[in-house]
Amino acid sequence: MARNGSDDALRRNTTQVDAVEGLLAYAATRSAREALRQVSRAVAMSRDLAAEHPEHTSLLVRALIMEASLQLRRKCPAEALPPAEESVALARRAGGAPLARSLHALAAAYRALRRFGEAAEAAEEASRVVELD
């Protein structure tokens, strides 16, 4: 189904997972401010979904990474740090590519905050995770 607007993702017969996926896809086509609104909705929905069905935690991780990335695009690194840190904490359970992506988002937030030592540590850990994968 083509996504024409954020409401398309929230139709009555849409599953929660599809709704979150739709919001994230729609957000990827919007300006940073509009995208952030959609991603905030996706984060809230995926939080509820992951609380009920832990197997969907990876969807929450993706939404948090996107939130952090959008905050960095808006030049708001202090606001990017909490979702990046949360994504790492959640992704540690699964490891692999989700953890590596989360660590890269965290490293970017640290760099933007001029916390270069922590940025290097996060990037180095991401490299180790990728090597093990």
C-alpha atoms as a PDB file:
ATOM      1  CA  MET A   1       0.000   0.000   0.000  1.00  0.00           C
ATOM      2  CA  ALA A   2       1.311   3.429  -0.876  1.00  0.00           C
ATOM      3  CA  ARG A   3       1.723   5.801   2.039  1.00  0.00           C
ATOM      4  CA  ASN A   4       0.144   9.145   1.240  1.00  0.00           C
ATOM      5  CA  GLY A   5       0.077  10.473   4.767  1.00  0.00           C
ATOM      6  CA  SER A   6       0.591   9.504   8.370  1.00  0.00           C
ATOM      7  CA  ASP A   7      -3.111   8.679   8.704  1.00  0.00           C
ATOM      8  CA  ASP A   8      -2.673   5.882   6.155  1.00  0.00           C
ATOM      9  CA  ALA A   9      -0.517   4.097   8.714  1.00  0.00           C
ATOM     10  CA  LEU A  10      -3.212   4.353  11.363  1.00  0.00           C
ATOM     11  CA  ARG A  11      -6.224   2.954   9.521  1.00  0.00           C
ATOM     12  CA  ARG A  12      -8.553   0.805  11.596  1.00  0.00           C
ATOM     13  CA  ASN A  13      -7.563  -2.526   9.992  1.00  0.00           C
ATOM     14  CA  THR A  14      -3.819  -1.874  10.300  1.00  0.00           C
ATOM     15  CA  THR A  15      -1.866  -3.923  12.820  1.00  0.00           C
ATOM     16  CA  GLN A  16       0.230  -2.068  15.382  1.00  0.00           C
ATOM     17  CA  VAL A  17       3.435  -3.304  13.786  1.00  0.00           C
ATOM     18  CA  ASP A  18       2.300  -2.127  10.342  1.00  0.00           C
ATOM     19  CA  ALA A  19       1.210   1.205  11.812  1.00  0.00           C
ATOM     20  CA  VAL A  20       4.639   1.804  13.360  1.00  0.00           C
ATOM     21  CA  GLU A  21       6.384   0.703  10.166  1.00  0.00           C
ATOM     22  CA  GLY A  22       4.136   3.039   8.192  1.00  0.00           C
ATOM     23  CA  LEU A  23       4.849   5.994  10.454  1.00  0.00           C
ATOM     24  CA  LEU A  24       8.593   5.394  10.174  1.00  0.00           C
ATOM     25  CA  ALA A  25       8.383   5.080   6.388  1.00  0.00           C
ATOM     26  CA  TYR A  26       6.282   8.226   6.111  1.00  0.00           C
ATOM     27  CA  ALA A  27       8.624  10.126   8.437  1.00  0.00           C
ATOM     28  CA  ALA A  28      11.555   9.280   6.183  1.00  0.00           C
ATOM     29  CA  THR A  29       9.946  11.399   3.455  1.00  0.00           C
ATOM     30  CA  ARG A  30       9.225  14.486   5.574  1.00  0.00           C
ATOM     31  CA  SER A  31      11.103  17.518   6.833  1.00  0.00           C
ATOM     32  CA  ALA A  32      12.913  16.990  10.141  1.00  0.00           C
ATOM     33  CA  ARG A  33      10.217  18.752  12.204  1.00  0.00           C
ATOM     34  CA  GLU A  34       7.299  16.838  10.662  1.00  0.00           C
ATOM     35  CA  ALA A  35       9.278  13.601  10.688  1.00  0.00           C
ATOM     36  CA  LEU A  36       9.992  14.026  14.379  1.00  0.00           C
ATOM     37  CA  ARG A  37       6.264  14.254  15.124  1.00  0.00           C
ATOM     38  CA  GLN A  38       5.633  11.022  13.253  1.00  0.00           C
ATOM     39  CA  VAL A  39       8.608   9.264  14.828  1.00  0.00           C
ATOM     40  CA  SER A  40       7.455  10.355  18.296  1.00  0.00           C
ATOM     41  CA  ARG A  41       4.130   8.665  17.574  1.00  0.00           C
ATOM     42  CA  ALA A  42       5.967   5.585  16.326  1.00  0.00           C
ATOM     43  CA  VAL A  43       8.136   5.477  19.474  1.00  0.00           C
ATOM     44  CA  ALA A  44       5.073   5.689  21.728  1.00  0.00           C
ATOM     45  CA  MET A  45       3.246   2.984  19.792  1.00  0.00           C
ATOM     46  CA  SER A  46       6.276   0.696  19.632  1.00  0.00           C
ATOM     47  CA  ARG A  47       6.867   1.164  23.382  1.00  0.00           C
ATOM     48  CA  ASP A  48       3.360  -0.124  24.046  1.00  0.00           C
ATOM     49  CA  LEU A  49       3.818  -2.934  21.543  1.00  0.00           C
ATOM     50  CA  ALA A  50       7.182  -4.020  22.996  1.00  0.00           C
ATOM     51  CA  ALA A  51       5.755  -3.950  26.528  1.00  0.00           C
ATOM     52  CA  GLU A  52       3.038  -6.389  25.445  1.00  0.00           C
ATOM     53  CA  HIS A  53       5.120  -8.391  22.965  1.00  0.00           C
ATOM     54  CA  PRO A  54       8.876  -8.245  23.743  1.00  0.00           C
ATOM     55  CA  GLU A  55       9.674  -9.844  20.381  1.00  0.00           C
ATOM     56  CA  HIS A  56       8.882  -6.433  18.844  1.00  0.00           C
ATOM     57  CA  THR A  57      11.561  -4.617  20.846  1.00  0.00           C
ATOM     58  CA  SER A  58      13.648  -4.327  17.672  1.00  0.00           C
ATOM     59  CA  LEU A  59      10.948  -2.082  16.210  1.00  0.00           C
ATOM     60  CA  LEU A  60      11.265   0.215  19.228  1.00  0.00           C
ATOM     61  CA  VAL A  61      15.039   0.222  18.747  1.00  0.00           C
ATOM     62  CA  ARG A  62      14.611   1.301  15.105  1.00  0.00           C
ATOM     63  CA  ALA A  63      12.204   4.077  16.089  1.00  0.00           C
ATOM     64  CA  LEU A  64      14.577   5.339  18.787  1.00  0.00           C
ATOM     65  CA  ILE A  65      17.521   5.359  16.375  1.00  0.00           C
ATOM     66  CA  MET A  66      15.458   7.356  13.910  1.00  0.00           C
ATOM     67  CA  GLU A  67      14.436   9.788  16.662  1.00  0.00           C
ATOM     68  CA  ALA A  68      18.078  10.309  17.633  1.00  0.00           C
ATOM     69  CA  SER A  69      19.063  10.812  14.000  1.00  0.00           C
ATOM     70  CA  LEU A  70      16.324  13.387  13.460  1.00  0.00           C
ATOM     71  CA  GLN A  71      17.334  15.290  16.580  1.00  0.00           C
ATOM     72  CA  LEU A  72      20.872  15.424  15.250  1.00  0.00           C
ATOM     73  CA  ARG A  73      19.590  16.694  11.896  1.00  0.00           C
ATOM     74  CA  ARG A  74      17.790  19.445  13.799  1.00  0.00           C
ATOM     75  CA  LYS A  75      21.082  20.301  15.572  1.00  0.00           C
ATOM     76  CA  CYS A  76      19.710  19.152  18.947  1.00  0.00           C
ATOM     77  CA  PRO A  77      22.366  16.699  20.164  1.00  0.00           C
ATOM     78  CA  ALA A  78      21.272  16.890  23.813  1.00  0.00           C
ATOM     79  CA  GLU A  79      17.836  15.667  22.719  1.00  0.00           C
ATOM     80  CA  ALA A  80      19.387  12.956  20.539  1.00  0.00           C
ATOM     81  CA  LEU A  81      21.342  11.388  23.376  1.00  0.00           C
ATOM     82  CA  PRO A  82      18.487   9.844  25.447  1.00  0.00           C
ATOM     83  CA  PRO A  83      16.897   7.896  22.560  1.00  0.00           C
ATOM     84  CA  ALA A  84      20.341   6.788  21.374  1.00  0.00           C
ATOM     85  CA  GLU A  85      21.234   5.553  24.860  1.00  0.00           C
ATOM     86  CA  GLU A  86      17.895   3.789  25.226  1.00  0.00           C
ATOM     87  CA  SER A  87      18.281   2.100  21.850  1.00  0.00           C
ATOM     88  CA  VAL A  88      21.683   0.742  22.910  1.00  0.00           C
ATOM     89  CA  ALA A  89      20.309  -0.538  26.227  1.00  0.00           C
ATOM     90  CA  LEU A  90      17.453  -2.325  24.461  1.00  0.00           C
ATOM     91  CA  ALA A  91      19.578  -3.645  21.588  1.00  0.00           C
ATOM     92  CA  ARG A  92      22.194  -5.154  23.906  1.00  0.00           C
ATOM     93  CA  ARG A  93      19.801  -8.035  24.593  1.00  0.00           C
ATOM     94  CA  ALA A  94      19.693  -9.048  20.933  1.00  0.00           C
ATOM     95  CA  GLY A  95      23.163  -7.931  19.840  1.00  0.00           C
ATOM     96  CA  GLY A  96      24.107  -8.059  16.186  1.00  0.00           C
ATOM     97  CA  ALA A  97      23.180  -5.427  13.636  1.00  0.00           C
ATOM     98  CA  PRO A  98      20.585  -3.637  15.798  1.00  0.00           C
ATOM     99  CA  LEU A  99      23.214  -3.121  18.493  1.00  0.00           C
ATOM    100  CA  ALA A 100      25.780  -1.912  15.952  1.00  0.00           C
ATOM    101  CA  ARG A 101      23.287   0.601  14.497  1.00  0.00           C
ATOM    102  CA  SER A 102      22.391   1.792  17.999  1.00  0.00           C
ATOM    103  CA  LEU A 103      26.038   2.223  18.912  1.00  0.00           C
ATOM    104  CA  HIS A 104      26.640   4.232  15.732  1.00  0.00           C
ATOM    105  CA  ALA A 105      23.704   6.495  16.643  1.00  0.00           C
ATOM    106  CA  LEU A 106      25.127   6.893  20.137  1.00  0.00           C
ATOM    107  CA  ALA A 107      28.576   7.699  18.757  1.00  0.00           C
ATOM    108  CA  ALA A 108      27.057  10.365  16.487  1.00  0.00           C
ATOM    109  CA  ALA A 109      25.252  11.956  19.432  1.00  0.00           C
ATOM    110  CA  TYR A 110      28.436  11.934  21.499  1.00  0.00           C
ATOM    111  CA  ARG A 111      30.407  13.513  18.634  1.00  0.00           C
ATOM    112  CA  ALA A 112      27.808  16.248  18.259  1.00  0.00           C
ATOM    113  CA  LEU A 113      28.114  16.904  21.989  1.00  0.00           C
ATOM    114  CA  ARG A 114      31.929  17.001  21.625  1.00  0.00           C
ATOM    115  CA  ARG A 115      32.297  13.980  23.888  1.00  0.00           C
ATOM    116  CA  PHE A 116      34.901  12.507  21.588  1.00  0.00           C
ATOM    117  CA  GLY A 117      36.282   9.840  23.921  1.00  0.00           C
ATOM    118  CA  GLU A 118      32.836   8.331  24.465  1.00  0.00           C
ATOM    119  CA  ALA A 119      32.105   8.617  20.744  1.00  0.00           C
ATOM    120  CA  ALA A 120      35.252   6.657  19.945  1.00  0.00           C
ATOM    121  CA  GLU A 121      34.367   3.970  22.508  1.00  0.00           C
ATOM    122  CA  ALA A 122      30.855   3.549  21.080  1.00  0.00           C
ATOM    123  CA  ALA A 123      32.175   3.402  17.497  1.00  0.00           C
ATOM    124  CA  GLU A 124      34.845   0.890  18.494  1.00  0.00           C
ATOM    125  CA  GLU A 125      32.270  -1.309  20.210  1.00  0.00           C
ATOM    126  CA  ALA A 126      30.069  -1.112  17.095  1.00  0.00           C
ATOM    127  CA  SER A 127      32.999  -2.323  15.020  1.00  0.00           C
ATOM    128  CA  ARG A 128      33.538  -5.278  17.345  1.00  0.00           C
ATOM    129  CA  VAL A 129      29.849  -6.169  17.201  1.00  0.00           C
ATOM    130  CA  VAL A 130      29.925  -6.136  13.396  1.00  0.00           C
ATOM    131  CA  GLU A 131      33.032  -8.339  13.358  1.00  0.00           C
ATOM    132  CA  LEU A 132      31.326 -10.898  15.599  1.00  0.00           C
ATOM    133  CA  ASP A 133      28.144 -10.905  13.533  1.00  0.00           C
END
